């Protein structure tokens, strides 16, 4: 019996390697919009980040998320991502 391989990804904030399920996928769509990919299956360039707000702040400070997605990210998008992360933590 074959065991299913679990995909691993690195957080752009803390650089820790975790399973895809433990991370949030931030996506640059073909239209150059930056969104959170809830399903993890949308088309576009993706970067992964932990569910911790500290990781998002670190990625913002070092511009790691912007480098990964090759796009400038406005403050509103960072605020929206942070709000959604806080909502997830309270569940």
PDB file of N, CA and C in Angstrom:
ATOM      1  N   UNK A   1       0.842  -1.190   0.000  1.00  0.00           N
ATOM      2  CA  UNK A   1       0.000   0.000   0.000  1.00  0.00           C
ATOM      3  C   UNK A   1       0.878   1.241   0.000  1.00  0.00           C
ATOM      4  N   UNK A   2       0.580   2.157  -0.922  1.00  0.00           N
ATOM      5  CA  UNK A   2       1.346   3.391  -1.037  1.00  0.00           C
ATOM      6  C   UNK A   2       0.796   4.445  -0.089  1.00  0.00           C
ATOM      7  N   UNK A   3       1.706   5.159   0.586  1.00  0.00           N
ATOM      8  CA  UNK A   3       1.255   6.281   1.399  1.00  0.00           C
ATOM      9  C   UNK A   3       1.285   7.529   0.551  1.00  0.00           C
ATOM     10  N   UNK A   4       0.312   8.394   0.769  1.00  0.00           N
ATOM     11  CA  UNK A   4       0.213   9.616  -0.010  1.00  0.00           C
ATOM     12  C   UNK A   4       1.252  10.624   0.476  1.00  0.00           C
ATOM     13  N   UNK A   5       1.973  11.205  -0.452  1.00  0.00           N
ATOM     14  CA  UNK A   5       2.992  12.187  -0.116  1.00  0.00           C
ATOM     15  C   UNK A   5       2.316  13.506   0.250  1.00  0.00           C
ATOM     16  N   UNK A   6       2.728  14.077   1.375  1.00  0.00           N
ATOM     17  CA  UNK A   6       2.149  15.328   1.838  1.00  0.00           C
ATOM     18  C   UNK A   6       3.026  16.479   1.347  1.00  0.00           C
ATOM     19  N   UNK A   7       2.433  17.422   0.562  1.00  0.00           N
ATOM     20  CA  UNK A   7       3.244  18.524   0.046  1.00  0.00           C
ATOM     21  C   UNK A   7       3.688  19.473   1.159  1.00  0.00           C
ATOM     22  N   UNK A   8       4.964  19.864   1.111  1.00  0.00           N
ATOM     23  CA  UNK A   8       5.517  20.791   2.099  1.00  0.00           C
ATOM     24  C   UNK A   8       5.797  22.127   1.403  1.00  0.00           C
ATOM     25  N   UNK A   9       5.595  23.214   2.143  1.00  0.00           N
ATOM     26  CA  UNK A   9       5.861  24.562   1.642  1.00  0.00           C
ATOM     27  C   UNK A   9       6.554  25.356   2.738  1.00  0.00           C
ATOM     28  N   UNK A  10       7.254  26.419   2.347  1.00  0.00           N
ATOM     29  CA  UNK A  10       7.943  27.281   3.315  1.00  0.00           C
ATOM     30  C   UNK A  10       7.178  28.581   3.497  1.00  0.00           C
ATOM     31  N   UNK A  11       7.083  29.024   4.737  1.00  0.00           N
ATOM     32  CA  UNK A  11       6.469  30.305   5.071  1.00  0.00           C
ATOM     33  C   UNK A  11       7.439  31.415   4.652  1.00  0.00           C
ATOM     34  N   UNK A  12       6.942  32.456   3.972  1.00  0.00           N
ATOM     35  CA  UNK A  12       7.815  33.546   3.547  1.00  0.00           C
ATOM     36  C   UNK A  12       8.202  34.449   4.716  1.00  0.00           C
ATOM     37  N   UNK A  13       7.511  34.312   5.850  1.00  0.00           N
ATOM     38  CA  UNK A  13       7.830  35.123   7.023  1.00  0.00           C
ATOM     39  C   UNK A  13       8.922  34.507   7.874  1.00  0.00           C
ATOM     40  N   UNK A  14       8.698  33.284   8.352  1.00  0.00           N
ATOM     41  CA  UNK A  14       9.645  32.641   9.272  1.00  0.00           C
ATOM     42  C   UNK A  14      10.537  31.615   8.580  1.00  0.00           C
ATOM     43  N   UNK A  15      10.232  31.299   7.316  1.00  0.00           N
ATOM     44  CA  UNK A  15      10.998  30.345   6.504  1.00  0.00           C
ATOM     45  C   UNK A  15      10.914  28.906   7.018  1.00  0.00           C
ATOM     46  N   UNK A  16       9.980  28.602   7.920  1.00  0.00           N
ATOM     47  CA  UNK A  16       9.788  27.230   8.396  1.00  0.00           C
ATOM     48  C   UNK A  16       9.038  26.429   7.338  1.00  0.00           C
ATOM     49  N   UNK A  17       9.414  25.188   7.173  1.00  0.00           N
ATOM     50  CA  UNK A  17       8.754  24.296   6.236  1.00  0.00           C
ATOM     51  C   UNK A  17       7.614  23.584   6.955  1.00  0.00           C
ATOM     52  N   UNK A  18       6.415  23.675   6.383  1.00  0.00           N
ATOM     53  CA  UNK A  18       5.222  23.060   6.974  1.00  0.00           C
ATOM     54  C   UNK A  18       4.374  22.449   5.864  1.00  0.00           C
ATOM     55  N   UNK A  19       3.372  21.684   6.264  1.00  0.00           N
ATOM     56  CA  UNK A  19       2.466  21.123   5.259  1.00  0.00           C
ATOM     57  C   UNK A  19       1.592  22.238   4.700  1.00  0.00           C
ATOM     58  N   UNK A  20       1.096  22.025   3.490  1.00  0.00           N
ATOM     59  CA  UNK A  20       0.249  23.038   2.853  1.00  0.00           C
ATOM     60  C   UNK A  20      -0.961  23.389   3.718  1.00  0.00           C
ATOM     61  N   UNK A  21      -1.480  22.398   4.447  1.00  0.00           N
ATOM     62  CA  UNK A  21      -2.672  22.630   5.273  1.00  0.00           C
ATOM     63  C   UNK A  21      -2.408  23.581   6.431  1.00  0.00           C
ATOM     64  N   UNK A  22      -1.162  23.693   6.862  1.00  0.00           N
ATOM     65  CA  UNK A  22      -0.813  24.544   7.988  1.00  0.00           C
ATOM     66  C   UNK A  22      -0.526  25.982   7.573  1.00  0.00           C
ATOM     67  N   UNK A  23      -0.573  26.267   6.280  1.00  0.00           N
ATOM     68  CA  UNK A  23      -0.207  27.586   5.773  1.00  0.00           C
ATOM     69  C   UNK A  23      -1.355  28.221   5.011  1.00  0.00           C
ATOM     70  N   UNK A  24      -1.278  29.539   4.853  1.00  0.00           N
ATOM     71  CA  UNK A  24      -2.240  30.298   4.059  1.00  0.00           C
ATOM     72  C   UNK A  24      -1.564  30.602   2.728  1.00  0.00           C
ATOM     73  N   UNK A  25      -2.280  30.425   1.630  1.00  0.00           N
ATOM     74  CA  UNK A  25      -1.716  30.726   0.309  1.00  0.00           C
ATOM     75  C   UNK A  25      -2.178  32.115  -0.107  1.00  0.00           C
ATOM     76  N   UNK A  26      -1.206  32.986  -0.360  1.00  0.00           N
ATOM     77  CA  UNK A  26      -1.470  34.315  -0.891  1.00  0.00           C
ATOM     78  C   UNK A  26      -1.201  34.228  -2.388  1.00  0.00           C
ATOM     79  N   UNK A  27      -2.107  34.745  -3.180  1.00  0.00           N
ATOM     80  CA  UNK A  27      -2.083  34.508  -4.614  1.00  0.00           C
ATOM     81  C   UNK A  27      -2.063  35.806  -5.399  1.00  0.00           C
ATOM     82  N   UNK A  28      -1.216  35.842  -6.440  1.00  0.00           N
ATOM     83  CA  UNK A  28      -1.270  36.927  -7.431  1.00  0.00           C
ATOM     84  C   UNK A  28      -1.994  36.355  -8.640  1.00  0.00           C
ATOM     85  N   UNK A  29      -3.172  36.874  -8.910  1.00  0.00           N
ATOM     86  CA  UNK A  29      -3.982  36.368 -10.016  1.00  0.00           C
ATOM     87  C   UNK A  29      -3.397  36.834 -11.350  1.00  0.00           C
ATOM     88  N   UNK A  30      -3.813  36.222 -12.456  1.00  0.00           N
ATOM     89  CA  UNK A  30      -3.351  36.678 -13.770  1.00  0.00           C
ATOM     90  C   UNK A  30      -3.701  38.152 -14.045  1.00  0.00           C
ATOM     91  N   UNK A  31      -4.694  38.690 -13.324  1.00  0.00           N
ATOM     92  CA  UNK A  31      -5.078  40.104 -13.476  1.00  0.00           C
ATOM     93  C   UNK A  31      -4.265  41.007 -12.548  1.00  0.00           C
ATOM     94  N   UNK A  32      -3.241  40.445 -11.865  1.00  0.00           N
ATOM     95  CA  UNK A  32      -2.367  41.152 -10.920  1.00  0.00           C
ATOM     96  C   UNK A  32      -3.083  41.630  -9.659  1.00  0.00           C
ATOM     97  N   UNK A  33      -4.122  40.918  -9.237  1.00  0.00           N
ATOM     98  CA  UNK A  33      -4.757  41.163  -7.946  1.00  0.00           C
ATOM     99  C   UNK A  33      -4.096  40.249  -6.927  1.00  0.00           C
ATOM    100  N   UNK A  34      -4.023  40.704  -5.673  1.00  0.00           N
ATOM    101  CA  UNK A  34      -3.462  39.877  -4.605  1.00  0.00           C
ATOM    102  C   UNK A  34      -4.618  39.475  -3.693  1.00  0.00           C
ATOM    103  N   UNK A  35      -4.827  38.165  -3.555  1.00  0.00           N
ATOM    104  CA  UNK A  35      -5.940  37.644  -2.759  1.00  0.00           C
ATOM    105  C   UNK A  35      -5.469  36.454  -1.925  1.00  0.00           C
ATOM    106  N   UNK A  36      -6.275  36.122  -0.919  1.00  0.00           N
ATOM    107  CA  UNK A  36      -6.031  34.897  -0.157  1.00  0.00           C
ATOM    108  C   UNK A  36      -6.743  33.764  -0.884  1.00  0.00           C
ATOM    109  N   UNK A  37      -6.005  32.710  -1.162  1.00  0.00           N
ATOM    110  CA  UNK A  37      -6.562  31.552  -1.858  1.00  0.00           C
ATOM    111  C   UNK A  37      -7.012  30.537  -0.814  1.00  0.00           C
ATOM    112  N   UNK A  38      -8.293  30.541  -0.510  1.00  0.00           N
ATOM    113  CA  UNK A  38      -8.843  29.651   0.506  1.00  0.00           C
ATOM    114  C   UNK A  38      -8.716  28.185   0.075  1.00  0.00           C
ATOM    115  N   UNK A  39      -8.995  27.911  -1.192  1.00  0.00           N
ATOM    116  CA  UNK A  39      -9.000  26.528  -1.673  1.00  0.00           C
ATOM    117  C   UNK A  39      -7.597  25.994  -1.920  1.00  0.00           C
ATOM    118  N   UNK A  40      -6.644  26.889  -2.177  1.00  0.00           N
ATOM    119  CA  UNK A  40      -5.286  26.453  -2.497  1.00  0.00           C
ATOM    120  C   UNK A  40      -5.149  25.935  -3.914  1.00  0.00           C
ATOM    121  N   UNK A  41      -6.161  26.168  -4.753  1.00  0.00           N
ATOM    122  CA  UNK A  41      -6.160  25.613  -6.104  1.00  0.00           C
ATOM    123  C   UNK A  41      -6.372  26.655  -7.202  1.00  0.00           C
ATOM    124  N   UNK A  42      -6.491  27.929  -6.837  1.00  0.00           N
ATOM    125  CA  UNK A  42      -6.729  28.944  -7.860  1.00  0.00           C
ATOM    126  C   UNK A  42      -5.493  29.128  -8.731  1.00  0.00           C
ATOM    127  N   UNK A  43      -5.709  29.567  -9.963  1.00  0.00           N
ATOM    128  CA  UNK A  43      -4.612  29.821 -10.889  1.00  0.00           C
ATOM    129  C   UNK A  43      -3.884  31.098 -10.503  1.00  0.00           C
ATOM    130  N   UNK A  44      -2.571  31.063 -10.628  1.00  0.00           N
ATOM    131  CA  UNK A  44      -1.772  32.243 -10.362  1.00  0.00           C
ATOM    132  C   UNK A  44      -0.540  31.890  -9.553  1.00  0.00           C
ATOM    133  N   UNK A  45       0.275  32.893  -9.325  1.00  0.00           N
ATOM    134  CA  UNK A  45       1.518  32.741  -8.565  1.00  0.00           C
ATOM    135  C   UNK A  45       1.192  32.787  -7.081  1.00  0.00           C
ATOM    136  N   UNK A  46       1.637  31.791  -6.325  1.00  0.00           N
ATOM    137  CA  UNK A  46       1.309  31.722  -4.911  1.00  0.00           C
ATOM    138  C   UNK A  46       2.523  31.806  -4.013  1.00  0.00           C
ATOM    139  N   UNK A  47       2.285  32.316  -2.812  1.00  0.00           N
ATOM    140  CA  UNK A  47       3.287  32.325  -1.747  1.00  0.00           C
ATOM    141  C   UNK A  47       2.561  31.877  -0.486  1.00  0.00           C
ATOM    142  N   UNK A  48       3.286  31.246   0.406  1.00  0.00           N
ATOM    143  CA  UNK A  48       2.662  30.689   1.598  1.00  0.00           C
ATOM    144  C   UNK A  48       3.141  31.418   2.839  1.00  0.00           C
ATOM    145  N   UNK A  49       2.234  31.535   3.820  1.00  0.00           N
ATOM    146  CA  UNK A  49       2.560  32.190   5.075  1.00  0.00           C
ATOM    147  C   UNK A  49       1.827  31.487   6.214  1.00  0.00           C
ATOM    148  N   UNK A  50       2.462  31.444   7.387  1.00  0.00           N
ATOM    149  CA  UNK A  50       1.853  30.816   8.566  1.00  0.00           C
ATOM    150  C   UNK A  50       0.580  31.564   8.968  1.00  0.00           C
ATOM    151  N   UNK A  51      -0.172  30.968   9.843  1.00  0.00           N
ATOM    152  CA  UNK A  51      -1.392  31.586  10.357  1.00  0.00           C
ATOM    153  C   UNK A  51      -1.088  32.618  11.438  1.00  0.00           C
ATOM    154  N   UNK A  52       0.193  32.921  11.667  1.00  0.00           N
ATOM    155  CA  UNK A  52       0.586  33.863  12.716  1.00  0.00           C
ATOM    156  C   UNK A  52       0.751  35.260  12.137  1.00  0.00           C
ATOM    157  N   UNK A  53       0.198  36.249  12.843  1.00  0.00           N
ATOM    158  CA  UNK A  53       0.305  37.635  12.408  1.00  0.00           C
ATOM    159  C   UNK A  53       1.769  38.086  12.425  1.00  0.00           C
ATOM    160  N   UNK A  54       2.572  37.532  13.350  1.00  0.00           N
ATOM    161  CA  UNK A  54       3.996  37.908  13.421  1.00  0.00           C
ATOM    162  C   UNK A  54       4.703  37.566  12.108  1.00  0.00           C
ATOM    163  N   UNK A  55       4.356  36.442  11.507  1.00  0.00           N
ATOM    164  CA  UNK A  55       4.969  36.040  10.236  1.00  0.00           C
ATOM    165  C   UNK A  55       4.582  37.022   9.128  1.00  0.00           C
ATOM    166  N   UNK A  56       3.337  37.461   9.128  1.00  0.00           N
ATOM    167  CA  UNK A  56       2.897  38.433   8.128  1.00  0.00           C
ATOM    168  C   UNK A  56       3.648  39.746   8.308  1.00  0.00           C
ATOM    169  N   UNK A  57       3.806  40.184   9.550  1.00  0.00           N
ATOM    170  CA  UNK A  57       4.525  41.433   9.816  1.00  0.00           C
ATOM    171  C   UNK A  57       5.987  41.323   9.386  1.00  0.00           C
ATOM    172  N   UNK A  58       6.607  40.183   9.650  1.00  0.00           N
ATOM    173  CA  UNK A  58       7.999  39.971   9.247  1.00  0.00           C
ATOM    174  C   UNK A  58       8.116  39.966   7.722  1.00  0.00           C
ATOM    175  N   UNK A  59       7.178  39.285   7.055  1.00  0.00           N
ATOM    176  CA  UNK A  59       7.192  39.234   5.588  1.00  0.00           C
ATOM    177  C   UNK A  59       6.967  40.622   4.990  1.00  0.00           C
ATOM    178  N   UNK A  60       6.148  41.418   5.659  1.00  0.00           N
ATOM    179  CA  UNK A  60       5.895  42.784   5.179  1.00  0.00           C
ATOM    180  C   UNK A  60       7.131  43.656   5.361  1.00  0.00           C
ATOM    181  N   UNK A  61       7.770  43.536   6.514  1.00  0.00           N
ATOM    182  CA  UNK A  61       8.950  44.346   6.815  1.00  0.00           C
ATOM    183  C   UNK A  61      10.100  44.050   5.857  1.00  0.00           C
ATOM    184  N   UNK A  62      10.293  42.773   5.549  1.00  0.00           N
ATOM    185  CA  UNK A  62      11.393  42.383   4.661  1.00  0.00           C
ATOM    186  C   UNK A  62      10.980  42.354   3.186  1.00  0.00           C
ATOM    187  N   UNK A  63       9.706  42.659   2.914  1.00  0.00           N
ATOM    188  CA  UNK A  63       9.145  42.635   1.558  1.00  0.00           C
ATOM    189  C   UNK A  63       9.253  41.241   0.912  1.00  0.00           C
ATOM    190  N   UNK A  64       9.288  40.215   1.731  1.00  0.00           N
ATOM    191  CA  UNK A  64       9.415  38.844   1.230  1.00  0.00           C
ATOM    192  C   UNK A  64       8.208  38.429   0.393  1.00  0.00           C
ATOM    193  N   UNK A  65       7.021  38.838   0.831  1.00  0.00           N
ATOM    194  CA  UNK A  65       5.805  38.488   0.090  1.00  0.00           C
ATOM    195  C   UNK A  65       5.804  39.176  -1.273  1.00  0.00           C
ATOM    196  N   UNK A  66       6.222  40.439  -1.297  1.00  0.00           N
ATOM    197  CA  UNK A  66       6.281  41.179  -2.560  1.00  0.00           C
ATOM    198  C   UNK A  66       7.300  40.560  -3.517  1.00  0.00           C
ATOM    199  N   UNK A  67       8.439  40.131  -2.989  1.00  0.00           N
ATOM    200  CA  UNK A  67       9.446  39.491  -3.836  1.00  0.00           C
ATOM    201  C   UNK A  67       8.936  38.164  -4.379  1.00  0.00           C
ATOM    202  N   UNK A  68       8.267  37.397  -3.538  1.00  0.00           N
ATOM    203  CA  UNK A  68       7.759  36.087  -3.971  1.00  0.00           C
ATOM    204  C   UNK A  68       6.719  36.215  -5.079  1.00  0.00           C
ATOM    205  N   UNK A  69       5.893  37.241  -4.979  1.00  0.00           N
ATOM    206  CA  UNK A  69       4.816  37.413  -5.952  1.00  0.00           C
ATOM    207  C   UNK A  69       5.191  38.354  -7.095  1.00  0.00           C
ATOM    208  N   UNK A  70       6.349  38.999  -7.003  1.00  0.00           N
ATOM    209  CA  UNK A  70       6.817  39.953  -8.017  1.00  0.00           C
ATOM    210  C   UNK A  70       5.801  41.063  -8.278  1.00  0.00           C
ATOM    211  N   UNK A  71       5.293  41.644  -7.192  1.00  0.00           N
ATOM    212  CA  UNK A  71       4.305  42.717  -7.306  1.00  0.00           C
ATOM    213  C   UNK A  71       4.346  43.559  -6.022  1.00  0.00           C
ATOM    214  N   UNK A  72       4.031  44.843  -6.150  1.00  0.00           N
ATOM    215  CA  UNK A  72       3.920  45.679  -4.956  1.00  0.00           C
ATOM    216  C   UNK A  72       2.548  45.446  -4.339  1.00  0.00           C
ATOM    217  N   UNK A  73       2.533  45.298  -3.016  1.00  0.00           N
ATOM    218  CA  UNK A  73       1.283  45.001  -2.317  1.00  0.00           C
ATOM    219  C   UNK A  73       0.860  46.232  -1.523  1.00  0.00           C
ATOM    220  N   UNK A  74      -0.340  46.763  -1.800  1.00  0.00           N
ATOM    221  CA  UNK A  74      -0.811  47.944  -1.062  1.00  0.00           C
ATOM    222  C   UNK A  74      -1.137  47.626   0.395  1.00  0.00           C
ATOM    223  N   UNK A  75      -1.123  48.670   1.231  1.00  0.00           N
ATOM    224  CA  UNK A  75      -1.394  48.517   2.663  1.00  0.00           C
ATOM    225  C   UNK A  75      -2.759  47.879   2.928  1.00  0.00           C
ATOM    226  N   UNK A  76      -3.740  48.190   2.078  1.00  0.00           N
ATOM    227  CA  UNK A  76      -5.092  47.639   2.293  1.00  0.00           C
ATOM    228  C   UNK A  76      -5.088  46.115   2.199  1.00  0.00           C
ATOM    229  N   UNK A  77      -4.280  45.583   1.306  1.00  0.00           N
ATOM    230  CA  UNK A  77      -4.205  44.126   1.139  1.00  0.00           C
ATOM    231  C   UNK A  77      -3.583  43.495   2.382  1.00  0.00           C
ATOM    232  N   UNK A  78      -2.498  44.101   2.884  1.00  0.00           N
ATOM    233  CA  UNK A  78      -1.888  43.588   4.113  1.00  0.00           C
ATOM    234  C   UNK A  78      -2.897  43.632   5.266  1.00  0.00           C
ATOM    235  N   UNK A  79      -3.649  44.724   5.362  1.00  0.00           N
ATOM    236  CA  UNK A  79      -4.650  44.863   6.426  1.00  0.00           C
ATOM    237  C   UNK A  79      -5.732  43.798   6.286  1.00  0.00           C
ATOM    238  N   UNK A  80      -6.150  43.527   5.055  1.00  0.00           N
ATOM    239  CA  UNK A  80      -7.177  42.516   4.801  1.00  0.00           C
ATOM    240  C   UNK A  80      -6.669  41.118   5.163  1.00  0.00           C
ATOM    241  N   UNK A  81      -5.425  40.820   4.797  1.00  0.00           N
ATOM    242  CA  UNK A  81      -4.840  39.521   5.130  1.00  0.00           C
ATOM    243  C   UNK A  81      -4.748  39.363   6.642  1.00  0.00           C
ATOM    244  N   UNK A  82      -4.295  40.420   7.326  1.00  0.00           N
ATOM    245  CA  UNK A  82      -4.174  40.369   8.789  1.00  0.00           C
ATOM    246  C   UNK A  82      -5.534  40.160   9.452  1.00  0.00           C
ATOM    247  N   UNK A  83      -6.567  40.846   8.942  1.00  0.00           N
ATOM    248  CA  UNK A  83      -7.920  40.700   9.497  1.00  0.00           C
ATOM    249  C   UNK A  83      -8.404  39.262   9.340  1.00  0.00           C
ATOM    250  N   UNK A  84      -8.168  38.680   8.166  1.00  0.00           N
ATOM    251  CA  UNK A  84      -8.599  37.304   7.931  1.00  0.00           C
ATOM    252  C   UNK A  84      -7.818  36.319   8.797  1.00  0.00           C
ATOM    253  N   UNK A  85      -6.533  36.613   9.043  1.00  0.00           N
ATOM    254  CA  UNK A  85      -5.735  35.745   9.918  1.00  0.00           C
ATOM    255  C   UNK A  85      -6.277  35.793  11.347  1.00  0.00           C
ATOM    256  N   UNK A  86      -6.633  36.967  11.813  1.00  0.00           N
ATOM    257  CA  UNK A  86      -7.173  37.116  13.171  1.00  0.00           C
ATOM    258  C   UNK A  86      -8.502  36.400  13.295  1.00  0.00           C
ATOM    259  N   UNK A  87      -9.324  36.472  12.248  1.00  0.00           N
ATOM    260  CA  UNK A  87     -10.599  35.741  12.244  1.00  0.00           C
ATOM    261  C   UNK A  87     -10.349  34.242  12.337  1.00  0.00           C
ATOM    262  N   UNK A  88      -9.349  33.756  11.620  1.00  0.00           N
ATOM    263  CA  UNK A  88      -9.023  32.332  11.631  1.00  0.00           C
ATOM    264  C   UNK A  88      -8.551  31.896  13.019  1.00  0.00           C
ATOM    265  N   UNK A  89      -7.753  32.748  13.695  1.00  0.00           N
ATOM    266  CA  UNK A  89      -7.233  32.412  15.022  1.00  0.00           C
ATOM    267  C   UNK A  89      -8.343  32.300  16.061  1.00  0.00           C
ATOM    268  N   UNK A  90      -9.418  33.088  15.892  1.00  0.00           N
ATOM    269  CA  UNK A  90     -10.494  33.071  16.871  1.00  0.00           C
ATOM    270  C   UNK A  90     -11.443  31.894  16.693  1.00  0.00           C
ATOM    271  N   UNK A  91     -11.325  31.146  15.594  1.00  0.00           N
ATOM    272  CA  UNK A  91     -12.203  29.985  15.362  1.00  0.00           C
ATOM    273  C   UNK A  91     -11.856  28.853  16.269  1.00  0.00           C
TER     274      UNK A  91
END
